[in-house]
Amino acid sequence: MSEPVYQRFLGDWTLDVATCEYEQGEPPQSGTYRIEASGDEVNIAMDWIDAEGESHHVSFRGRPDGSRMPFNGGPLADALAITAPSQKELNSAAFRDGVELMTATRTLSDDGVRMIIEQTVHLPDGTSPTNVGVYHRRQ
């Protein structure tokens, strides 16, 4: 069996807070990512401490084929989809009532030790602010 296209993303990642460029909200004080494979699914878990010092945890899973999986995101999202268009890109999108409200593009550096995450939120007023951060692979 060949390795999945998203193989290089698997592992633990730590946010380099100094790299954060936020158009919406304040950058977090810290953040971590864990990306794991489970059968034919990708599991993504995020933990962060926001600018006010509050801890947060979000996790989701799905087949990286773009199929939508139910997600209990309250008023923010009721479904998520994951795609892996290449060995250097792993993306997700959040939906509410069939409408795409958020996208996250994860891009690996050539050496596989940095992951750039660009998260764009599509707001009701038609704007789409983007927040960017760089994560480093934990050894």
N, C-alpha and C. Protein backbone atom coordinates (compact mmCIF):
# COMPACT_ATOMS: atom_id res chain seq x y z
N MET A 1 0.85 -1.19 0.00
CA MET A 1 0.00 0.00 0.00
C MET A 1 0.88 1.25 0.00
N SER A 2 0.59 2.19 -0.87
CA SER A 2 1.40 3.40 -0.93
C SER A 2 1.05 4.33 0.22
N GLU A 3 2.00 5.19 0.56
CA GLU A 3 1.73 6.12 1.67
C GLU A 3 0.78 7.21 1.19
N PRO A 4 -0.05 7.70 2.11
CA PRO A 4 -1.03 8.73 1.73
C PRO A 4 -0.33 10.02 1.32
N VAL A 5 -0.98 10.78 0.44
CA VAL A 5 -0.41 12.02 -0.07
C VAL A 5 -0.12 13.01 1.06
N TYR A 6 -0.84 12.93 2.18
CA TYR A 6 -0.69 13.85 3.30
C TYR A 6 0.34 13.37 4.33
N GLN A 7 1.05 12.30 4.05
CA GLN A 7 1.97 11.66 5.00
C GLN A 7 2.93 12.65 5.67
N ARG A 8 3.47 13.58 4.93
CA ARG A 8 4.48 14.51 5.46
C ARG A 8 3.90 15.49 6.48
N PHE A 9 2.58 15.62 6.56
CA PHE A 9 1.94 16.50 7.53
C PHE A 9 1.80 15.85 8.91
N LEU A 10 1.87 14.54 8.96
CA LEU A 10 1.61 13.83 10.21
C LEU A 10 2.65 14.19 11.26
N GLY A 11 2.16 14.39 12.49
CA GLY A 11 3.06 14.71 13.59
C GLY A 11 2.54 15.86 14.43
N ASP A 12 3.43 16.34 15.28
CA ASP A 12 3.10 17.43 16.21
C ASP A 12 3.80 18.70 15.77
N TRP A 13 3.08 19.82 15.90
CA TRP A 13 3.53 21.11 15.42
C TRP A 13 3.32 22.17 16.49
N THR A 14 4.24 23.15 16.56
CA THR A 14 4.15 24.23 17.54
C THR A 14 4.15 25.57 16.80
N LEU A 15 3.24 26.45 17.17
CA LEU A 15 3.13 27.77 16.54
C LEU A 15 4.30 28.66 16.93
N ASP A 16 4.88 29.33 15.94
CA ASP A 16 5.85 30.39 16.16
C ASP A 16 5.04 31.68 16.21
N VAL A 17 4.72 32.13 17.40
CA VAL A 17 3.81 33.26 17.59
C VAL A 17 4.32 34.52 16.88
N ALA A 18 5.63 34.68 16.79
CA ALA A 18 6.20 35.88 16.15
C ALA A 18 5.85 35.96 14.67
N THR A 19 5.44 34.85 14.05
CA THR A 19 5.11 34.85 12.62
C THR A 19 3.67 35.21 12.34
N CYS A 20 2.84 35.32 13.35
CA CYS A 20 1.41 35.52 13.15
C CYS A 20 1.11 36.88 12.52
N GLU A 21 0.30 36.82 11.47
CA GLU A 21 -0.22 38.03 10.82
C GLU A 21 -1.73 37.86 10.77
N TYR A 22 -2.44 38.58 11.62
CA TYR A 22 -3.88 38.42 11.76
C TYR A 22 -4.63 39.63 11.22
N GLU A 23 -5.59 39.40 10.35
CA GLU A 23 -6.49 40.45 9.89
C GLU A 23 -7.77 40.47 10.72
N GLN A 24 -8.02 39.38 11.45
CA GLN A 24 -9.21 39.30 12.31
C GLN A 24 -8.79 38.80 13.68
N GLY A 25 -9.14 39.54 14.72
CA GLY A 25 -8.81 39.14 16.07
C GLY A 25 -7.34 39.33 16.40
N GLU A 26 -6.96 38.90 17.59
CA GLU A 26 -5.58 39.00 18.06
C GLU A 26 -4.91 37.64 17.98
N PRO A 27 -3.62 37.60 17.65
CA PRO A 27 -2.91 36.32 17.61
C PRO A 27 -2.91 35.65 18.99
N PRO A 28 -2.84 34.32 19.00
CA PRO A 28 -2.81 33.61 20.28
C PRO A 28 -1.47 33.77 20.99
N GLN A 29 -1.45 33.44 22.29
CA GLN A 29 -0.21 33.44 23.05
C GLN A 29 0.63 32.21 22.71
N SER A 30 -0.05 31.11 22.36
CA SER A 30 0.64 29.87 21.99
C SER A 30 -0.34 28.98 21.24
N GLY A 31 0.20 27.97 20.55
CA GLY A 31 -0.67 27.05 19.83
C GLY A 31 0.08 25.80 19.40
N THR A 32 -0.65 24.69 19.34
CA THR A 32 -0.09 23.43 18.86
C THR A 32 -1.08 22.75 17.93
N TYR A 33 -0.56 21.91 17.08
CA TYR A 33 -1.34 21.12 16.13
C TYR A 33 -0.88 19.67 16.26
N ARG A 34 -1.78 18.73 16.12
CA ARG A 34 -1.43 17.32 15.98
C ARG A 34 -2.23 16.80 14.79
N ILE A 35 -1.51 16.22 13.83
CA ILE A 35 -2.15 15.65 12.66
C ILE A 35 -1.80 14.17 12.63
N GLU A 36 -2.83 13.32 12.61
CA GLU A 36 -2.65 11.87 12.66
C GLU A 36 -3.47 11.21 11.56
N ALA A 37 -3.04 10.02 11.18
CA ALA A 37 -3.82 9.20 10.25
C ALA A 37 -4.52 8.12 11.06
N SER A 38 -5.74 7.81 10.66
CA SER A 38 -6.51 6.74 11.28
C SER A 38 -7.28 6.05 10.16
N GLY A 39 -6.75 4.93 9.70
CA GLY A 39 -7.35 4.27 8.54
C GLY A 39 -7.24 5.19 7.34
N ASP A 40 -8.36 5.46 6.69
CA ASP A 40 -8.33 6.35 5.52
C ASP A 40 -8.71 7.78 5.87
N GLU A 41 -8.70 8.10 7.17
CA GLU A 41 -9.04 9.45 7.62
C GLU A 41 -7.84 10.18 8.19
N VAL A 42 -7.94 11.51 8.18
CA VAL A 42 -6.97 12.40 8.81
C VAL A 42 -7.65 12.98 10.05
N ASN A 43 -6.95 12.94 11.18
CA ASN A 43 -7.43 13.57 12.41
C ASN A 43 -6.58 14.80 12.68
N ILE A 44 -7.22 15.93 12.88
CA ILE A 44 -6.53 17.18 13.15
C ILE A 44 -7.02 17.71 14.49
N ALA A 45 -6.06 17.97 15.41
CA ALA A 45 -6.39 18.53 16.73
C ALA A 45 -5.57 19.80 16.94
N MET A 46 -6.24 20.84 17.39
CA MET A 46 -5.60 22.14 17.64
C MET A 46 -5.85 22.55 19.08
N ASP A 47 -4.81 23.03 19.72
CA ASP A 47 -4.91 23.59 21.06
C ASP A 47 -4.23 24.95 21.04
N TRP A 48 -4.83 25.93 21.69
CA TRP A 48 -4.20 27.24 21.75
C TRP A 48 -4.66 27.99 22.97
N ILE A 49 -3.84 28.98 23.34
CA ILE A 49 -4.19 29.92 24.40
C ILE A 49 -4.35 31.26 23.70
N ASP A 50 -5.56 31.82 23.80
CA ASP A 50 -5.84 33.06 23.07
C ASP A 50 -5.17 34.26 23.73
N ALA A 51 -5.34 35.42 23.13
CA ALA A 51 -4.68 36.64 23.60
C ALA A 51 -5.08 37.00 25.03
N GLU A 52 -6.27 36.55 25.46
CA GLU A 52 -6.75 36.84 26.82
C GLU A 52 -6.35 35.78 27.82
N GLY A 53 -5.65 34.72 27.36
CA GLY A 53 -5.20 33.67 28.28
C GLY A 53 -6.14 32.48 28.40
N GLU A 54 -7.21 32.43 27.60
CA GLU A 54 -8.16 31.31 27.63
C GLU A 54 -7.64 30.14 26.79
N SER A 55 -7.78 28.92 27.32
CA SER A 55 -7.38 27.71 26.59
C SER A 55 -8.52 27.23 25.70
N HIS A 56 -8.17 26.73 24.51
CA HIS A 56 -9.15 26.23 23.55
C HIS A 56 -8.65 24.92 22.95
N HIS A 57 -9.59 24.07 22.57
CA HIS A 57 -9.28 22.81 21.89
C HIS A 57 -10.35 22.56 20.83
N VAL A 58 -9.91 22.24 19.63
CA VAL A 58 -10.83 21.85 18.55
C VAL A 58 -10.20 20.67 17.83
N SER A 59 -11.00 19.68 17.52
CA SER A 59 -10.50 18.56 16.72
C SER A 59 -11.57 18.16 15.71
N PHE A 60 -11.10 17.63 14.59
CA PHE A 60 -12.01 17.13 13.57
C PHE A 60 -11.30 16.08 12.76
N ARG A 61 -12.07 15.34 12.00
CA ARG A 61 -11.52 14.26 11.20
C ARG A 61 -12.28 14.15 9.89
N GLY A 62 -11.67 13.49 8.94
CA GLY A 62 -12.35 13.25 7.68
C GLY A 62 -11.44 12.61 6.67
N ARG A 63 -12.05 12.05 5.64
CA ARG A 63 -11.28 11.53 4.51
C ARG A 63 -10.81 12.72 3.70
N PRO A 64 -9.54 12.73 3.28
CA PRO A 64 -9.03 13.89 2.56
C PRO A 64 -9.43 13.90 1.08
N ASP A 65 -10.72 13.63 0.85
CA ASP A 65 -11.24 13.58 -0.52
C ASP A 65 -12.29 14.66 -0.78
N GLY A 66 -12.45 15.57 0.17
CA GLY A 66 -13.41 16.66 0.01
C GLY A 66 -14.81 16.33 0.47
N SER A 67 -15.04 15.09 0.93
CA SER A 67 -16.39 14.75 1.40
C SER A 67 -16.65 15.46 2.73
N ARG A 68 -17.86 15.93 2.89
CA ARG A 68 -18.23 16.67 4.10
C ARG A 68 -18.62 15.71 5.22
N MET A 69 -18.04 15.98 6.39
CA MET A 69 -18.33 15.19 7.59
C MET A 69 -19.09 16.08 8.56
N PRO A 70 -20.09 15.55 9.25
CA PRO A 70 -20.80 16.35 10.26
C PRO A 70 -19.82 16.87 11.31
N PHE A 71 -20.07 18.08 11.78
CA PHE A 71 -19.21 18.72 12.78
C PHE A 71 -20.09 19.55 13.70
N ASN A 72 -19.90 19.39 14.99
CA ASN A 72 -20.69 20.13 15.97
C ASN A 72 -19.98 21.44 16.31
N GLY A 73 -20.07 22.38 15.41
CA GLY A 73 -19.44 23.68 15.60
C GLY A 73 -20.41 24.76 16.03
N GLY A 74 -21.56 24.35 16.56
CA GLY A 74 -22.55 25.33 16.99
C GLY A 74 -22.99 26.19 15.82
N PRO A 75 -23.16 27.50 16.05
CA PRO A 75 -23.62 28.37 14.97
C PRO A 75 -22.54 28.63 13.90
N LEU A 76 -21.30 28.18 14.15
CA LEU A 76 -20.21 28.47 13.22
C LEU A 76 -20.08 27.46 12.10
N ALA A 77 -20.34 26.17 12.38
CA ALA A 77 -20.15 25.15 11.35
C ALA A 77 -20.92 23.88 11.71
N ASP A 78 -21.50 23.25 10.68
CA ASP A 78 -22.16 21.96 10.89
C ASP A 78 -21.53 20.84 10.06
N ALA A 79 -20.52 21.20 9.24
CA ALA A 79 -19.82 20.19 8.44
C ALA A 79 -18.42 20.70 8.11
N LEU A 80 -17.49 19.74 7.96
CA LEU A 80 -16.12 20.06 7.57
C LEU A 80 -15.70 19.13 6.45
N ALA A 81 -14.82 19.61 5.59
CA ALA A 81 -14.27 18.79 4.52
C ALA A 81 -12.76 18.98 4.49
N ILE A 82 -12.03 17.91 4.20
CA ILE A 82 -10.57 17.94 4.11
C ILE A 82 -10.15 17.52 2.71
N THR A 83 -9.17 18.22 2.16
CA THR A 83 -8.60 17.83 0.87
C THR A 83 -7.08 17.82 0.99
N ALA A 84 -6.45 16.95 0.22
CA ALA A 84 -4.99 16.86 0.17
C ALA A 84 -4.58 16.90 -1.30
N PRO A 85 -4.53 18.10 -1.90
CA PRO A 85 -4.25 18.21 -3.33
C PRO A 85 -2.83 17.82 -3.73
N SER A 86 -1.89 17.84 -2.76
CA SER A 86 -0.50 17.46 -3.07
C SER A 86 0.20 17.07 -1.77
N GLN A 87 1.44 16.63 -1.89
CA GLN A 87 2.24 16.28 -0.71
C GLN A 87 2.62 17.50 0.11
N LYS A 88 2.41 18.70 -0.43
CA LYS A 88 2.77 19.92 0.27
C LYS A 88 1.56 20.74 0.70
N GLU A 89 0.35 20.22 0.47
CA GLU A 89 -0.85 21.00 0.81
C GLU A 89 -1.92 20.10 1.42
N LEU A 90 -2.45 20.55 2.56
CA LEU A 90 -3.54 19.85 3.26
C LEU A 90 -4.52 20.93 3.68
N ASN A 91 -5.73 20.86 3.15
CA ASN A 91 -6.69 21.94 3.35
C ASN A 91 -7.96 21.45 4.03
N SER A 92 -8.69 22.41 4.60
CA SER A 92 -9.99 22.09 5.16
C SER A 92 -10.93 23.27 4.92
N ALA A 93 -12.20 22.95 4.96
CA ALA A 93 -13.23 23.98 4.80
C ALA A 93 -14.35 23.67 5.77
N ALA A 94 -14.93 24.73 6.34
CA ALA A 94 -16.06 24.60 7.25
C ALA A 94 -17.31 25.15 6.57
N PHE A 95 -18.43 24.47 6.80
CA PHE A 95 -19.69 24.82 6.17
C PHE A 95 -20.78 24.96 7.23
N ARG A 96 -21.74 25.81 6.92
CA ARG A 96 -22.95 25.94 7.74
C ARG A 96 -24.12 25.99 6.77
N ASP A 97 -25.04 25.03 6.90
CA ASP A 97 -26.20 24.96 6.01
C ASP A 97 -25.79 24.94 4.54
N GLY A 98 -24.69 24.25 4.24
CA GLY A 98 -24.23 24.09 2.87
C GLY A 98 -23.38 25.22 2.32
N VAL A 99 -23.21 26.29 3.09
CA VAL A 99 -22.44 27.44 2.65
C VAL A 99 -21.03 27.38 3.26
N GLU A 100 -20.01 27.55 2.41
CA GLU A 100 -18.63 27.56 2.91
C GLU A 100 -18.37 28.86 3.66
N LEU A 101 -17.98 28.73 4.94
CA LEU A 101 -17.75 29.90 5.78
C LEU A 101 -16.29 30.12 6.12
N MET A 102 -15.46 29.08 6.01
CA MET A 102 -14.06 29.21 6.40
C MET A 102 -13.23 28.21 5.62
N THR A 103 -12.01 28.62 5.25
CA THR A 103 -11.05 27.71 4.63
C THR A 103 -9.73 27.83 5.38
N ALA A 104 -9.02 26.73 5.45
CA ALA A 104 -7.67 26.72 6.02
C ALA A 104 -6.77 25.98 5.04
N THR A 105 -5.72 26.66 4.62
CA THR A 105 -4.73 26.08 3.72
C THR A 105 -3.46 25.83 4.52
N ARG A 106 -3.02 24.58 4.54
CA ARG A 106 -1.79 24.21 5.23
C ARG A 106 -0.75 23.85 4.18
N THR A 107 0.36 24.57 4.17
CA THR A 107 1.40 24.36 3.17
C THR A 107 2.71 24.02 3.87
N LEU A 108 3.36 22.94 3.43
CA LEU A 108 4.64 22.53 4.00
C LEU A 108 5.80 23.19 3.28
N SER A 109 6.84 23.49 4.05
CA SER A 109 8.10 23.95 3.45
C SER A 109 8.73 22.76 2.72
N ASP A 110 9.65 23.03 1.83
CA ASP A 110 10.30 21.96 1.06
C ASP A 110 10.97 20.93 1.96
N ASP A 111 11.55 21.38 3.09
CA ASP A 111 12.24 20.45 3.99
C ASP A 111 11.28 19.78 4.98
N GLY A 112 9.99 20.16 4.97
CA GLY A 112 8.98 19.52 5.80
C GLY A 112 9.02 19.89 7.27
N VAL A 113 9.77 20.93 7.66
CA VAL A 113 9.86 21.29 9.08
C VAL A 113 9.00 22.50 9.44
N ARG A 114 8.43 23.19 8.45
CA ARG A 114 7.55 24.32 8.70
C ARG A 114 6.23 24.11 7.97
N MET A 115 5.15 24.46 8.64
CA MET A 115 3.81 24.39 8.06
C MET A 115 3.20 25.78 8.18
N ILE A 116 2.87 26.38 7.05
CA ILE A 116 2.23 27.69 7.03
C ILE A 116 0.72 27.46 6.95
N ILE A 117 -0.01 28.07 7.86
CA ILE A 117 -1.47 27.93 7.86
C ILE A 117 -2.09 29.29 7.59
N GLU A 118 -2.90 29.34 6.53
CA GLU A 118 -3.66 30.54 6.19
C GLU A 118 -5.13 30.20 6.38
N GLN A 119 -5.77 30.88 7.32
CA GLN A 119 -7.18 30.64 7.60
C GLN A 119 -7.98 31.87 7.19
N THR A 120 -8.95 31.66 6.30
CA THR A 120 -9.78 32.74 5.80
C THR A 120 -11.22 32.50 6.23
N VAL A 121 -11.85 33.53 6.77
CA VAL A 121 -13.24 33.47 7.20
C VAL A 121 -14.06 34.33 6.25
N HIS A 122 -15.16 33.80 5.75
CA HIS A 122 -16.05 34.54 4.84
C HIS A 122 -17.19 35.12 5.68
N LEU A 123 -17.15 36.41 5.90
CA LEU A 123 -18.10 37.08 6.79
C LEU A 123 -19.34 37.53 6.04
N PRO A 124 -20.45 37.71 6.77
CA PRO A 124 -21.71 38.12 6.12
C PRO A 124 -21.61 39.45 5.37
N ASP A 125 -20.68 40.33 5.76
CA ASP A 125 -20.57 41.62 5.08
C ASP A 125 -19.79 41.54 3.76
N GLY A 126 -19.39 40.30 3.38
CA GLY A 126 -18.68 40.11 2.11
C GLY A 126 -17.17 40.17 2.22
N THR A 127 -16.65 40.55 3.39
CA THR A 127 -15.20 40.56 3.57
C THR A 127 -14.70 39.16 3.91
N SER A 128 -13.42 38.94 3.67
CA SER A 128 -12.81 37.63 3.96
C SER A 128 -11.42 37.83 4.57
N PRO A 129 -11.38 38.17 5.86
CA PRO A 129 -10.09 38.36 6.52
C PRO A 129 -9.33 37.03 6.62
N THR A 130 -7.99 37.14 6.55
CA THR A 130 -7.13 35.96 6.60
C THR A 130 -6.14 36.11 7.75
N ASN A 131 -5.98 35.03 8.51
CA ASN A 131 -4.99 34.96 9.57
C ASN A 131 -3.94 33.94 9.16
N VAL A 132 -2.66 34.28 9.36
CA VAL A 132 -1.55 33.43 8.94
C VAL A 132 -0.64 33.17 10.13
N GLY A 133 -0.16 31.93 10.24
CA GLY A 133 0.82 31.57 11.26
C GLY A 133 1.70 30.45 10.74
N VAL A 134 2.92 30.39 11.25
CA VAL A 134 3.86 29.34 10.88
C VAL A 134 4.07 28.41 12.08
N TYR A 135 3.95 27.13 11.81
CA TYR A 135 4.17 26.10 12.82
C TYR A 135 5.45 25.34 12.49
N HIS A 136 6.17 24.95 13.54
CA HIS A 136 7.40 24.17 13.37
C HIS A 136 7.16 22.76 13.88
N ARG A 137 7.71 21.79 13.15
CA ARG A 137 7.56 20.39 13.54
C ARG A 137 8.31 20.16 14.85
N ARG A 138 7.63 19.51 15.79
CA ARG A 138 8.28 19.14 17.05
C ARG A 138 9.03 17.84 16.86
N GLN A 139 10.20 17.77 17.40
CA GLN A 139 11.02 16.55 17.27
C GLN A 139 10.71 15.54 18.34
